[in-house]
Protein backbone atom coordinates (compact mmCIF):
# COMPACT_ATOMS: atom_id res chain seq x y z
CA MET A 1 209.07 194.83 37.62
CA ARG A 2 208.08 191.17 37.77
CA PRO A 3 208.53 188.95 34.72
CA PRO A 4 205.85 187.49 32.95
CA GLY A 5 204.60 184.46 34.52
CA PHE A 6 206.09 185.25 38.06
CA GLN A 7 203.70 183.81 41.01
CA GLY A 8 205.46 184.65 44.38
CA ALA A 9 204.97 187.12 47.15
CA PRO A 10 206.55 190.58 46.96
CA PRO A 11 209.59 191.04 48.09
CA PRO A 12 209.55 192.04 51.78
CA ALA A 13 210.53 195.85 52.19
CA ALA A 14 214.20 196.76 53.89
CA ALA A 15 213.30 197.11 57.78
CA SER A 16 214.04 200.56 59.19
CA PRO A 17 216.71 200.53 62.15
CA TYR A 18 214.40 202.93 63.90
CA ALA A 19 211.21 200.69 63.69
CA PRO A 20 209.93 199.09 66.57
CA PRO A 21 210.67 195.11 67.02
CA PRO A 22 207.80 193.04 65.74
CA ILE A 23 205.06 191.86 68.21
CA SER A 24 204.84 188.28 69.05
CA ALA A 25 202.59 186.09 70.67
CA PRO A 26 203.40 186.10 74.87
CA PRO A 27 204.45 183.07 76.12
CA SER A 28 201.39 180.77 77.40
CA THR A 29 200.63 180.99 81.33
CA PRO A 30 198.69 178.84 82.80
CA ALA A 31 196.66 179.95 85.81
CA TYR A 32 197.31 181.70 88.81
CA GLY A 33 200.52 183.26 86.70
CA TYR A 34 202.87 180.49 87.02
CA PRO A 35 205.54 180.24 83.89
CA VAL A 36 205.19 177.39 81.78
CA PRO A 37 208.32 175.04 82.46
CA PRO A 38 210.60 174.53 79.55
CA ASP A 39 210.45 171.56 77.46
CA PRO A 40 212.93 168.70 78.45
CA ALA A 41 213.78 167.61 74.94
CA ALA A 42 215.35 171.21 74.10
CA TYR A 43 217.82 170.29 76.62
CA ALA A 44 218.66 166.59 76.05
CA TYR A 45 221.99 165.58 75.71
CA PRO A 46 222.86 164.24 71.87
CA GLY A 47 223.71 160.95 71.87
CA PRO A 48 223.53 158.10 74.63
CA PRO A 49 223.37 159.16 77.85
CA PRO A 50 226.66 159.48 80.44
CA PRO A 51 227.36 156.87 82.75
CA VAL A 52 226.06 157.32 86.12
CA GLN A 53 228.91 157.42 88.83
CA GLN A 54 227.27 155.58 92.02
CA GLY A 55 229.21 157.11 95.05
CA TYR A 56 232.39 158.68 95.68
CA PRO A 57 235.11 157.37 93.34
CA GLY A 58 237.94 155.25 95.12
CA TYR A 59 241.12 156.19 95.44
CA PRO A 60 243.90 156.11 94.03
CA GLY A 61 242.74 155.96 90.72
CA TYR A 62 238.84 155.08 89.14
CA ALA A 63 238.38 152.57 86.71
CA GLY A 64 236.46 154.41 83.75
CA TYR A 65 238.88 157.77 83.77
CA PRO A 66 242.12 157.20 83.12
CA GLY A 67 244.61 159.46 85.23
CA TYR A 68 241.67 160.36 87.36
CA ALA A 69 243.00 160.03 90.85
CA GLY A 70 239.77 160.72 92.85
CA TYR A 71 239.07 162.08 95.95
CA PRO A 72 241.80 161.24 98.89
CA PRO A 73 240.28 159.26 101.70
CA TYR A 74 238.66 161.22 104.69
CA ALA A 75 241.18 161.66 107.29
CA ARG A 76 240.02 162.29 110.92
CA PRO A 77 241.29 165.24 112.82
CA ALA A 78 243.98 164.50 115.48
CA SER A 79 242.50 163.86 119.13
CA ASN A 80 245.01 165.61 121.12
CA GLY A 81 242.89 166.20 124.10
CA PHE A 82 244.47 163.75 126.36
CA GLY A 83 248.32 164.65 125.67
CA VAL A 84 247.19 168.73 126.06
CA ALA A 85 245.27 167.53 129.89
CA ALA A 86 248.42 165.83 131.13
CA LEU A 87 250.90 168.43 130.23
CA VAL A 88 248.58 171.04 132.01
CA LEU A 89 248.12 168.56 135.06
CA GLY A 90 251.58 167.65 135.44
CA ILE A 91 252.56 171.90 135.49
CA LEU A 92 249.87 172.03 138.10
CA SER A 93 251.25 169.31 139.90
CA VAL A 94 255.05 170.42 140.25
CA VAL A 95 253.63 173.79 140.86
CA GLY A 96 251.11 173.30 143.35
CA CYS A 97 253.63 171.52 145.44
CA VAL A 98 252.85 173.43 148.43
CA THR A 99 249.56 172.04 148.86
CA MET A 100 250.68 168.60 149.31
CA PHE A 101 247.62 166.80 148.56
CA GLY A 102 246.88 168.78 145.25
CA SER A 103 250.25 168.19 143.83
CA ILE A 104 249.73 164.34 144.37
CA ALA A 105 246.25 164.51 142.90
CA PHE A 106 247.20 166.15 139.75
CA GLY A 107 250.43 164.37 139.32
CA ILE A 108 248.33 160.74 139.12
CA ALA A 109 245.83 162.52 136.90
CA ALA A 110 248.67 163.76 134.44
CA VAL A 111 250.15 160.29 134.39
CA VAL A 112 247.63 158.63 133.35
CA LEU A 113 246.00 160.85 130.71
CA GLY A 114 249.67 161.11 129.53
CA ALA A 115 250.13 157.35 128.90
CA LEU A 116 246.53 157.54 127.54
CA GLY A 117 247.83 160.30 125.11
CA ARG A 118 250.73 158.05 124.41
CA GLY A 119 248.67 155.44 123.42
CA LYS A 120 246.90 157.53 121.10
CA ALA A 121 250.16 158.80 119.41
CA SER A 122 251.26 155.43 118.81
CA ARG A 123 248.36 154.56 117.23
CA GLY A 124 248.71 157.30 115.11
CA GLU A 125 245.08 159.11 116.16
CA SER A 126 246.90 162.25 117.63
CA THR A 127 250.12 164.28 117.35
CA ASN A 128 250.99 165.40 120.18
CA GLY A 129 252.88 162.54 121.73
CA GLY A 130 255.97 164.81 123.38
CA MET A 131 253.19 166.85 124.73
CA ALA A 132 251.79 163.56 126.58
CA LEU A 133 255.39 162.08 127.56
CA ALA A 134 256.18 165.87 129.03
CA GLY A 135 252.77 165.60 131.19
CA ILE A 136 253.80 161.79 132.26
CA ILE A 137 257.25 163.38 133.46
CA LEU A 138 256.21 166.47 135.09
CA GLY A 139 253.06 164.38 136.83
CA GLY A 140 256.02 161.80 138.28
CA VAL A 141 258.18 165.21 139.39
CA GLY A 142 254.80 166.32 141.26
CA ILE A 143 253.81 163.47 142.70
CA VAL A 144 257.68 162.97 144.33
CA LEU A 145 257.57 166.50 145.18
CA GLY A 146 254.00 166.18 147.16
CA ILE A 147 255.36 163.02 149.01
CA GLY A 148 258.40 165.01 150.19
CA VAL A 149 256.54 168.26 150.79
CA THR A 150 254.04 165.85 152.88
CA LEU A 151 256.73 164.03 154.67
CA LEU A 152 258.43 167.31 155.51
CA VAL A 153 255.32 168.75 156.86
CA PHE A 154 254.21 165.66 158.78
CA LEU A 155 257.84 164.61 159.76
CA GLY A 156 259.36 167.73 160.55
CA PRO A 157 258.14 168.84 163.85
CA THR A 158 259.18 165.04 165.29
CA LEU A 159 262.77 165.73 163.94
CA GLU A 160 263.29 169.09 165.90
CA GLU A 161 261.55 167.66 169.30
CA SER A 162 264.24 164.95 169.30
CA GLY A 163 266.75 167.22 169.35
CA GLY A 164 268.23 167.88 165.87
CA GLY A 165 270.15 164.67 166.06
CA GLN A 166 272.71 165.56 168.97
CA ASP A 167 273.69 162.53 171.38
CA GLY A 168 273.62 164.39 174.88
CA PRO A 169 271.39 167.04 176.32
CA SER A 170 270.83 170.22 174.40
CA VAL A 171 272.99 173.29 176.21
CA SER A 172 272.64 176.44 175.13
CA ARG A 173 275.23 178.90 175.32
CA THR A 174 275.79 182.70 174.73
CA ASP A 175 277.94 184.84 173.19
CA ASP A 176 278.67 186.11 176.66
CA GLN A 177 280.44 183.26 178.03
CA PRO A 178 284.10 182.78 177.12
CA ARG A 179 284.95 179.56 175.21
CA GLU A 180 287.66 177.52 176.31
CA ARG A 181 290.56 176.07 173.98
CA VAL A 182 291.08 172.52 173.61
């Protein structure tokens, strides 16, 4: 029932829960079936735009944000190659002392690489200064053993030919001969 003089639209009928949804107009699609990009104004940030941060924030703090610690500085990975190589060559020089010249060559290389590794460790570029020191020590021991074995091989036959340090002529005795007591 409408009151007299009412000039409005009739009230809408209650929608049935089982009724299909109303059909809306399909979104417009441009040529070739690509969808229409969204309107950037619909996603605009309310208020003034945020400040643009250039590059990475500094360390230990960033001036614009109190309490913001930022990223820690980039640290290079430790370069431990010289120390490892010195230790391996030092071990090879000690173990290979029977090869004479190989021991000396490995020992010299171990000492040189160990010295370079210790220098890197003192500058903070590597973390294995002890390993480099062990390579230096083992390389030195390998050099000494290599020189000793070389001298023994080359001078050993001359020591035997000279009589082994006896002053007189060499007399061979057999156990069949009786010995005299003095």
